[in-house]
Amino acid sequence: MQEGERHVRNLFERINTLFGNWYEGLFGTGGELHPREVLRRLVMAAEEHCIEGLDGELYVPNRYKLEIALQNPEEQEAYLTFLQPQELADALWQELQQEGYRLRGGIVCEVVAQPVAPANAPRQALRITARFDPSVPLPITPPTPGFMPVEEATNIASTPVASATDVASGVASRAVLKSEDGKPLLLLTNRPVIIGRSRNAGCDLVLDADRQISRRHARIEWDAVAGNYVIYDLQSTNGLYVNEQRVDNRVLRSGDRIRMGKTVLVFEYTEPPAEKREVPAAEAISSRPAAFLTLHPDTPQQEVVPLPSEALIGRALTADIVLEESEAAMRHAVVRWDGKQWLIEDLGSASGTAVNDSRLSPHKPLGLHSGDIIRVGKTTIRFDIKEP
């Protein structure tokens, strides 16, 4: 395990070890001091204070002060215990490296406690200040990401679609993404497309003028069975919005306004949605049935996630399905459509993956059937296929 991955993993395991169900019940999964939220806030603080250098690169602060202010002294002490400055610094370094930012000094995080506020006083649980400090030396060997998201490992960089027909498939465009002023930016066919800020991360539509957009921000896929396009948030820092509603995924309708950072895109069909369209035989063979993963089925915490053609399950921030528990690996398992059937593959995790109580052999894909029960650590997931 590489050093960068080890520190990120420690950060997420510490919260589970110290708090467990007590933490989740008290603060929920999206509170200000949740590990993912702390890291997200750190990245936002960095981006808010970025400066363009003479070399054209964007530089972000390297010294961060996190002030914790909770009403309960015991809770405050507990957070000071698990929010370790070095772990935060290493995790932040990894995120900033992935986003393409530059630094003039090594990252330093300081975590301090503010006086406990009275119960009736307004409070800000987490306050972050950021500044540049060139006196801190850069490490000789900078931390490097310990894992590569599935999308980066499998997506091949391509140029934006410029014609009305996808050369690879011969399928005419069904929809188009336009700028807010109506300029066509990307024609959509039946292949997945990635939208983001980086030209080096396999993006089909590059929006490099908006620094609030992540390197790989969103993915749009054609669902041949349902006859519509679906957009997915790729664990972006600042979120994905459709018609000003934040979404993890959403079926797109003609006229929908998609916002990433400060950039607004308009989705429009160039031909009617294909619910009733006759699918050519060659396309029907490769079309995948719509499928879903239901996390914690038949419980109040039940969450239904539509599946793209490939979905990473794990504890990594960039996973398609994030499981925040100590027994889940950063990249634990992957569910994908191989053109004929849905498969699940354990990616060599320490705790393993089970389907219907039978443990999978690492790196040996297994076919899934509707109703199968998947277990990753203590998390139960049900796989279902939508009937046509």
Protein backbone atom coordinates (compact mmCIF):
# COMPACT_ATOMS: atom_id res chain seq x y z
CA MET A 1 0.00 0.00 0.00
CA GLN A 2 1.45 3.38 -0.98
CA GLU A 3 1.97 6.13 1.58
CA GLY A 4 -0.72 8.46 0.17
CA GLU A 5 -3.38 5.76 0.27
CA ARG A 6 -2.36 4.71 3.79
CA HIS A 7 -2.89 8.18 5.21
CA VAL A 8 -6.25 8.66 3.47
CA ARG A 9 -7.33 5.23 4.68
CA ASN A 10 -6.28 6.03 8.27
CA LEU A 11 -8.37 9.19 8.19
CA PHE A 12 -11.53 7.28 7.34
CA GLU A 13 -10.82 4.31 9.62
CA ARG A 14 -10.22 6.53 12.63
CA ILE A 15 -13.76 7.94 12.58
CA ASN A 16 -15.25 4.45 12.45
CA THR A 17 -12.98 3.13 15.19
CA LEU A 18 -13.63 5.95 17.62
CA PHE A 19 -17.28 6.69 16.97
CA GLY A 20 -19.06 3.89 15.11
CA ASN A 21 -22.87 4.09 15.24
CA TRP A 22 -22.73 6.75 17.95
CA TYR A 23 -21.11 9.16 15.50
CA GLU A 24 -23.55 8.48 12.69
CA GLY A 25 -26.56 8.80 14.95
CA LEU A 26 -25.38 12.05 16.44
CA PHE A 27 -24.03 13.87 13.42
CA GLY A 28 -25.38 11.95 10.40
CA THR A 29 -23.31 11.34 7.29
CA GLY A 30 -23.10 14.91 6.02
CA GLY A 31 -22.27 17.00 9.10
CA GLU A 32 -19.65 19.75 9.06
CA LEU A 33 -17.11 17.51 10.81
CA HIS A 34 -17.68 14.37 8.80
CA PRO A 35 -14.29 13.35 7.29
CA ARG A 36 -15.46 13.75 3.69
CA GLU A 37 -16.97 17.15 4.53
CA VAL A 38 -13.80 18.31 6.29
CA LEU A 39 -11.72 17.35 3.27
CA ARG A 40 -14.23 18.97 0.91
CA ARG A 41 -14.13 22.18 2.96
CA LEU A 42 -10.33 22.17 2.88
CA VAL A 43 -10.34 21.85 -0.92
CA MET A 44 -12.91 24.66 -1.19
CA ALA A 45 -10.76 26.89 1.05
CA ALA A 46 -7.78 26.18 -1.20
CA GLU A 47 -9.72 26.99 -4.36
CA GLU A 48 -11.17 30.19 -2.89
CA HIS A 49 -7.66 31.55 -2.28
CA CYS A 50 -5.90 30.31 -5.42
CA ILE A 51 -3.62 32.73 -7.31
CA GLU A 52 -2.47 32.48 -10.91
CA GLY A 53 1.32 32.58 -11.15
CA LEU A 54 3.50 34.12 -13.83
CA ASP A 55 3.81 30.66 -15.35
CA GLY A 56 0.04 30.48 -15.87
CA GLU A 57 -0.36 27.78 -13.23
CA LEU A 58 -2.84 28.09 -10.34
CA TYR A 59 -1.25 28.11 -6.88
CA VAL A 60 -3.15 27.40 -3.67
CA PRO A 61 -2.28 28.13 -0.03
CA ASN A 62 -0.27 25.56 1.84
CA ARG A 63 -1.07 26.39 5.49
CA TYR A 64 -4.54 25.69 6.89
CA LYS A 65 -5.97 26.33 10.34
CA LEU A 66 -9.07 24.35 11.34
CA GLU A 67 -10.95 25.75 14.34
CA ILE A 68 -13.38 23.36 16.04
CA ALA A 69 -16.17 24.85 18.17
CA LEU A 70 -18.74 22.46 19.66
CA GLN A 71 -21.10 22.88 22.59
CA ASN A 72 -20.22 19.50 24.12
CA PRO A 73 -16.64 19.44 25.52
CA GLU A 74 -16.42 15.65 25.21
CA GLU A 75 -17.39 15.74 21.55
CA GLN A 76 -14.91 18.52 20.91
CA GLU A 77 -12.10 16.55 22.56
CA ALA A 78 -13.03 13.46 20.53
CA TYR A 79 -12.81 15.35 17.26
CA LEU A 80 -9.44 16.79 18.22
CA THR A 81 -8.32 13.20 18.76
CA PHE A 82 -9.25 11.85 15.33
CA LEU A 83 -8.63 14.92 13.15
CA GLN A 84 -4.88 14.39 12.95
CA PRO A 85 -3.08 17.29 11.21
CA GLN A 86 -0.66 15.10 9.24
CA GLU A 87 -3.43 12.81 7.96
CA LEU A 88 -5.44 15.85 6.85
CA ALA A 89 -2.38 17.37 5.17
CA ASP A 90 -1.61 14.19 3.24
CA ALA A 91 -5.23 13.72 2.16
CA LEU A 92 -5.45 17.36 1.07
CA TRP A 93 -2.18 17.06 -0.87
CA GLN A 94 -3.59 14.09 -2.75
CA GLU A 95 -6.81 15.94 -3.63
CA LEU A 96 -4.97 19.07 -4.78
CA GLN A 97 -2.58 17.02 -6.90
CA GLN A 98 -5.54 15.32 -8.59
CA GLU A 99 -7.13 18.72 -9.26
CA GLY A 100 -3.93 20.00 -10.91
CA TYR A 101 -3.07 22.78 -8.43
CA ARG A 102 0.48 23.90 -7.61
CA LEU A 103 2.06 24.71 -4.23
CA ARG A 104 4.96 26.90 -3.16
CA GLY A 105 5.43 25.06 0.12
CA GLY A 106 4.58 21.84 1.91
CA ILE A 107 1.06 21.55 3.29
CA VAL A 108 0.60 22.18 7.00
CA CYS A 109 -2.72 21.66 8.81
CA GLU A 110 -3.33 22.94 12.34
CA VAL A 111 -6.36 21.81 14.34
CA VAL A 112 -7.32 23.90 17.36
CA ALA A 113 -10.26 24.02 19.77
CA GLN A 114 -12.24 27.20 20.32
CA PRO A 115 -13.96 27.95 23.66
CA VAL A 116 -17.16 25.96 24.00
CA ALA A 117 -20.13 28.16 23.14
CA PRO A 118 -23.28 28.37 25.30
CA ALA A 119 -26.13 26.14 24.18
CA ASN A 120 -28.22 29.08 22.97
CA ALA A 121 -25.38 30.84 21.13
CA PRO A 122 -24.95 30.57 17.35
CA ARG A 123 -21.92 28.49 16.45
CA GLN A 124 -19.86 27.45 13.47
CA ALA A 125 -18.66 23.92 14.12
CA LEU A 126 -15.80 24.20 11.66
CA ARG A 127 -13.94 27.32 10.54
CA ILE A 128 -11.02 27.12 8.11
CA THR A 129 -8.49 29.83 7.33
CA ALA A 130 -5.85 29.45 4.62
CA ARG A 131 -2.65 31.31 3.81
CA PHE A 132 0.54 31.00 1.79
CA ASP A 133 3.68 30.13 3.75
CA PRO A 134 6.74 29.69 1.50
CA SER A 135 8.93 29.01 4.57
CA VAL A 136 7.57 25.44 4.72
CA PRO A 137 9.77 23.26 2.48
CA LEU A 138 8.18 21.05 -0.13
CA PRO A 139 8.74 17.35 0.57
CA ILE A 140 11.59 15.75 -1.37
CA THR A 141 9.23 13.02 -2.57
CA PRO A 142 5.69 14.46 -2.75
CA PRO A 143 2.87 12.11 -1.70
CA THR A 144 1.30 10.48 -4.73
CA PRO A 145 -2.23 9.09 -5.13
CA GLY A 146 -2.40 5.51 -3.92
CA PHE A 147 -5.22 4.55 -6.24
CA MET A 148 -6.63 5.43 -9.63
CA PRO A 149 -10.39 5.88 -10.02
CA VAL A 150 -12.00 3.34 -12.31
CA GLU A 151 -12.95 6.06 -14.77
CA GLU A 152 -9.31 7.21 -15.12
CA ALA A 153 -8.11 3.65 -15.53
CA THR A 154 -10.54 2.78 -18.29
CA ASN A 155 -11.51 5.96 -20.09
CA ILE A 156 -9.54 6.86 -23.20
CA ALA A 157 -8.98 10.56 -23.81
CA SER A 158 -10.80 11.77 -26.87
CA THR A 159 -11.50 14.99 -28.71
CA PRO A 160 -14.91 16.64 -28.44
CA VAL A 161 -17.49 15.29 -30.89
CA ALA A 162 -17.54 17.62 -33.87
CA SER A 163 -19.79 15.78 -36.30
CA ALA A 164 -23.41 14.70 -36.25
CA THR A 165 -22.42 11.02 -36.25
CA ASP A 166 -20.25 9.07 -33.79
CA VAL A 167 -17.46 7.73 -36.00
CA ALA A 168 -16.84 4.74 -33.72
CA SER A 169 -20.41 3.49 -33.74
CA GLY A 170 -21.98 5.11 -36.79
CA VAL A 171 -24.88 6.28 -34.62
CA ALA A 172 -26.22 9.78 -35.23
CA SER A 173 -26.34 12.21 -32.32
CA ARG A 174 -29.48 12.12 -30.21
CA ALA A 175 -28.82 15.18 -28.07
CA VAL A 176 -26.51 18.13 -27.67
CA LEU A 177 -24.99 20.11 -24.80
CA LYS A 178 -25.06 23.84 -25.38
CA SER A 179 -23.63 26.82 -23.56
CA GLU A 180 -26.01 29.18 -21.80
CA ASP A 181 -25.97 31.46 -24.85
CA GLY A 182 -26.96 28.59 -27.18
CA LYS A 183 -23.57 27.63 -28.64
CA PRO A 184 -23.34 23.84 -29.32
CA LEU A 185 -20.49 22.33 -27.29
CA LEU A 186 -20.83 18.55 -27.46
CA LEU A 187 -22.99 16.17 -29.49
CA LEU A 188 -24.23 13.12 -27.55
CA THR A 189 -24.62 9.68 -29.12
CA ASN A 190 -24.75 6.28 -27.41
CA ARG A 191 -21.30 6.38 -25.85
CA PRO A 192 -20.53 7.75 -22.34
CA VAL A 193 -18.92 11.17 -22.16
CA ILE A 194 -16.93 12.82 -19.36
CA ILE A 195 -17.15 16.52 -18.53
CA GLY A 196 -14.44 18.22 -16.48
CA ARG A 197 -11.69 20.78 -16.20
CA SER A 198 -8.62 18.75 -17.15
CA ARG A 199 -7.36 18.14 -20.67
CA ASN A 200 -5.27 15.24 -19.37
CA ALA A 201 -7.99 13.22 -17.62
CA GLY A 202 -9.90 11.81 -20.59
CA CYS A 203 -12.59 14.51 -20.67
CA ASP A 204 -14.76 14.73 -23.78
CA LEU A 205 -15.85 18.28 -22.91
CA VAL A 206 -13.15 20.40 -21.27
CA LEU A 207 -14.32 23.42 -19.23
CA ASP A 208 -10.96 24.73 -18.07
CA ALA A 209 -12.01 28.35 -17.51
CA ASP A 210 -14.03 27.52 -14.38
CA ARG A 211 -11.80 26.56 -11.44
CA GLN A 212 -14.81 25.37 -9.43
CA ILE A 213 -15.20 22.45 -11.83
CA SER A 214 -13.34 19.26 -10.88
CA ARG A 215 -10.87 17.54 -13.19
CA ARG A 216 -13.52 14.90 -13.93
CA HIS A 217 -16.79 16.40 -12.77
CA ALA A 218 -19.67 14.50 -14.41
CA ARG A 219 -20.49 11.64 -16.78
CA ILE A 220 -23.44 11.40 -19.19
CA GLU A 221 -24.55 7.98 -20.45
CA TRP A 222 -27.21 6.79 -22.88
CA ASP A 223 -29.58 4.19 -21.41
CA ALA A 224 -30.71 2.19 -24.47
CA VAL A 225 -33.39 0.29 -22.53
CA ALA A 226 -35.10 3.30 -20.94
CA GLY A 227 -34.40 5.49 -23.97
CA ASN A 228 -32.89 8.44 -22.14
CA TYR A 229 -29.66 10.05 -21.00
CA VAL A 230 -28.51 9.92 -17.36
CA ILE A 231 -25.97 12.28 -15.79
CA TYR A 232 -23.78 11.20 -12.86
CA ASP A 233 -21.74 13.27 -10.42
CA LEU A 234 -18.18 11.86 -10.29
CA GLN A 235 -17.69 12.80 -6.63
CA SER A 236 -16.94 16.39 -7.61
CA THR A 237 -15.81 18.88 -5.00
CA ASN A 238 -18.54 21.46 -5.58
CA GLY A 239 -21.39 19.21 -6.69
CA LEU A 240 -23.63 18.76 -9.71
CA TYR A 241 -26.90 20.68 -10.15
CA VAL A 242 -29.78 20.07 -12.56
CA ASN A 243 -32.29 22.91 -12.66
CA GLU A 244 -30.62 24.23 -9.47
CA GLN A 245 -31.24 21.01 -7.54
CA ARG A 246 -28.13 19.17 -6.36
CA VAL A 247 -28.10 15.59 -7.65
CA ASP A 248 -25.89 12.50 -7.58
CA ASN A 249 -27.55 11.24 -10.76
CA ARG A 250 -30.55 12.33 -12.82
CA VAL A 251 -32.41 11.39 -16.00
CA LEU A 252 -32.06 14.34 -18.35
CA ARG A 253 -34.99 16.01 -20.11
CA SER A 254 -34.79 18.38 -23.04
CA GLY A 255 -34.26 21.91 -21.75
CA ASP A 256 -32.61 20.87 -18.47
CA ARG A 257 -30.01 23.32 -17.16
CA ILE A 258 -26.89 21.59 -15.81
CA ARG A 259 -24.68 23.62 -13.51
CA MET A 260 -21.11 22.73 -12.55
CA GLY A 261 -19.32 25.42 -10.58
CA LYS A 262 -20.27 28.69 -12.25
CA THR A 263 -20.81 27.09 -15.66
CA VAL A 264 -24.30 26.35 -16.98
CA LEU A 265 -24.91 23.86 -19.80
CA VAL A 266 -28.24 23.29 -21.53
CA PHE A 267 -29.26 19.77 -22.55
CA GLU A 268 -31.42 19.46 -25.67
CA TYR A 269 -32.59 16.50 -27.72
CA THR A 270 -31.79 16.59 -31.43
CA GLU A 271 -34.24 13.72 -31.99
CA PRO A 272 -37.19 12.58 -29.84
CA PRO A 273 -36.42 10.33 -26.82
CA ALA A 274 -36.22 6.74 -27.94
CA GLU A 275 -38.72 4.94 -25.70
CA LYS A 276 -40.59 3.68 -28.78
CA ARG A 277 -37.67 3.63 -31.19
CA GLU A 278 -36.86 0.33 -32.90
CA VAL A 279 -33.34 -0.62 -31.86
CA PRO A 280 -31.20 -1.99 -34.73
CA ALA A 281 -30.10 -5.59 -34.19
CA ALA A 282 -26.41 -4.69 -33.84
CA GLU A 283 -27.18 -2.07 -31.22
CA ALA A 284 -29.64 -4.33 -29.36
CA ILE A 285 -26.90 -6.93 -28.81
CA SER A 286 -24.65 -4.45 -27.04
CA SER A 287 -27.36 -2.49 -25.18
CA ARG A 288 -27.39 -3.10 -21.45
CA PRO A 289 -30.44 -3.62 -19.25
CA ALA A 290 -31.05 -0.96 -16.63
CA ALA A 291 -29.87 -2.12 -13.22
CA PHE A 292 -29.78 -0.77 -9.68
CA LEU A 293 -27.90 -1.30 -6.46
CA THR A 294 -29.93 -0.86 -3.27
CA LEU A 295 -27.79 -0.12 -0.23
CA HIS A 296 -29.19 -1.32 3.12
CA PRO A 297 -32.33 -2.78 1.48
CA ASP A 298 -35.59 -2.84 3.44
CA THR A 299 -34.27 -0.48 6.13
CA PRO A 300 -34.88 3.23 6.82
CA GLN A 301 -31.39 3.90 5.41
CA GLN A 302 -32.25 2.26 2.07
CA GLU A 303 -30.64 4.03 -0.89
CA VAL A 304 -31.23 3.11 -4.55
CA VAL A 305 -28.40 3.88 -7.00
CA PRO A 306 -28.87 3.47 -10.79
CA LEU A 307 -25.88 1.70 -12.32
CA PRO A 308 -23.76 3.16 -15.12
CA SER A 309 -21.92 0.72 -17.37
CA GLU A 310 -19.20 0.43 -14.71
CA ALA A 311 -19.31 1.41 -11.04
CA LEU A 312 -16.56 1.31 -8.43
CA ILE A 313 -17.55 0.33 -4.86
CA GLY A 314 -15.23 1.31 -2.04
CA ARG A 315 -14.17 3.81 0.57
CA ALA A 316 -12.34 6.12 -1.86
CA LEU A 317 -13.75 9.61 -2.27
CA THR A 318 -13.84 9.06 -6.02
CA ALA A 319 -15.75 5.76 -5.87
CA ASP A 320 -19.14 5.70 -7.61
CA ILE A 321 -20.62 4.10 -4.48
CA VAL A 322 -18.81 5.28 -1.33
CA LEU A 323 -18.96 2.94 1.69
CA GLU A 324 -17.66 4.63 4.82
CA GLU A 325 -16.78 1.63 6.95
CA SER A 326 -13.47 0.23 8.12
CA GLU A 327 -13.82 -3.14 6.38
CA ALA A 328 -14.28 -1.61 2.94
CA ALA A 329 -11.12 -1.10 0.87
CA MET A 330 -10.47 2.13 -1.01
CA ARG A 331 -11.15 0.25 -4.27
CA HIS A 332 -13.11 -2.78 -3.05
CA ALA A 333 -15.17 -4.13 -5.94
CA VAL A 334 -16.51 -3.15 -9.33
CA VAL A 335 -19.85 -3.88 -11.00
CA ARG A 336 -19.87 -3.62 -14.80
CA TRP A 337 -21.74 -4.55 -17.96
CA ASP A 338 -19.54 -6.59 -20.33
CA GLY A 339 -21.88 -6.38 -23.30
CA LYS A 340 -23.72 -9.60 -22.42
CA GLN A 341 -24.29 -9.62 -18.67
CA TRP A 342 -23.73 -7.74 -15.42
CA LEU A 343 -20.59 -8.82 -13.57
CA ILE A 344 -19.12 -8.16 -10.13
CA GLU A 345 -15.42 -8.45 -9.37
CA ASP A 346 -13.59 -8.20 -6.05
CA LEU A 347 -10.49 -6.05 -6.55
CA GLY A 348 -8.30 -7.95 -4.09
CA SER A 349 -9.81 -6.45 -0.93
CA ALA A 350 -8.63 -7.71 2.45
CA SER A 351 -12.11 -8.42 3.85
CA GLY A 352 -13.50 -9.79 0.59
CA THR A 353 -16.81 -9.53 -1.25
CA ALA A 354 -19.67 -12.05 -0.96
CA VAL A 355 -22.63 -12.71 -3.26
CA ASN A 356 -25.50 -14.65 -1.66
CA ASP A 357 -23.11 -15.55 1.22
CA SER A 358 -20.51 -17.06 -1.14
CA ARG A 359 -17.17 -15.25 -1.02
CA LEU A 360 -15.76 -14.23 -4.41
CA SER A 361 -12.29 -15.16 -5.56
CA PRO A 362 -10.27 -11.95 -6.05
CA HIS A 363 -10.11 -10.65 -9.63
CA LYS A 364 -12.46 -13.37 -10.92
CA PRO A 365 -15.69 -11.77 -12.21
CA LEU A 366 -19.02 -13.40 -11.34
CA GLY A 367 -22.28 -12.95 -13.24
CA LEU A 368 -25.05 -11.20 -11.31
CA HIS A 369 -28.76 -12.01 -11.35
CA SER A 370 -31.65 -9.82 -10.28
CA GLY A 371 -32.19 -10.12 -6.53
CA ASP A 372 -28.62 -11.14 -5.69
CA ILE A 373 -27.38 -9.94 -2.29
CA ILE A 374 -23.88 -8.47 -2.16
CA ARG A 375 -21.99 -8.03 1.10
CA VAL A 376 -19.05 -5.66 1.49
CA GLY A 377 -17.90 -5.65 5.09
CA LYS A 378 -21.03 -4.99 7.15
CA THR A 379 -22.88 -3.35 4.26
CA THR A 380 -25.66 -5.23 2.47
CA ILE A 381 -26.39 -4.34 -1.16
CA ARG A 382 -29.12 -5.79 -3.39
CA PHE A 383 -28.65 -6.01 -7.14
CA ASP A 384 -31.78 -5.64 -9.29
CA ILE A 385 -32.41 -5.50 -13.02
CA LYS A 386 -35.23 -3.31 -14.26
CA GLU A 387 -37.67 -5.34 -16.31
CA PRO A 388 -38.23 -3.90 -19.81
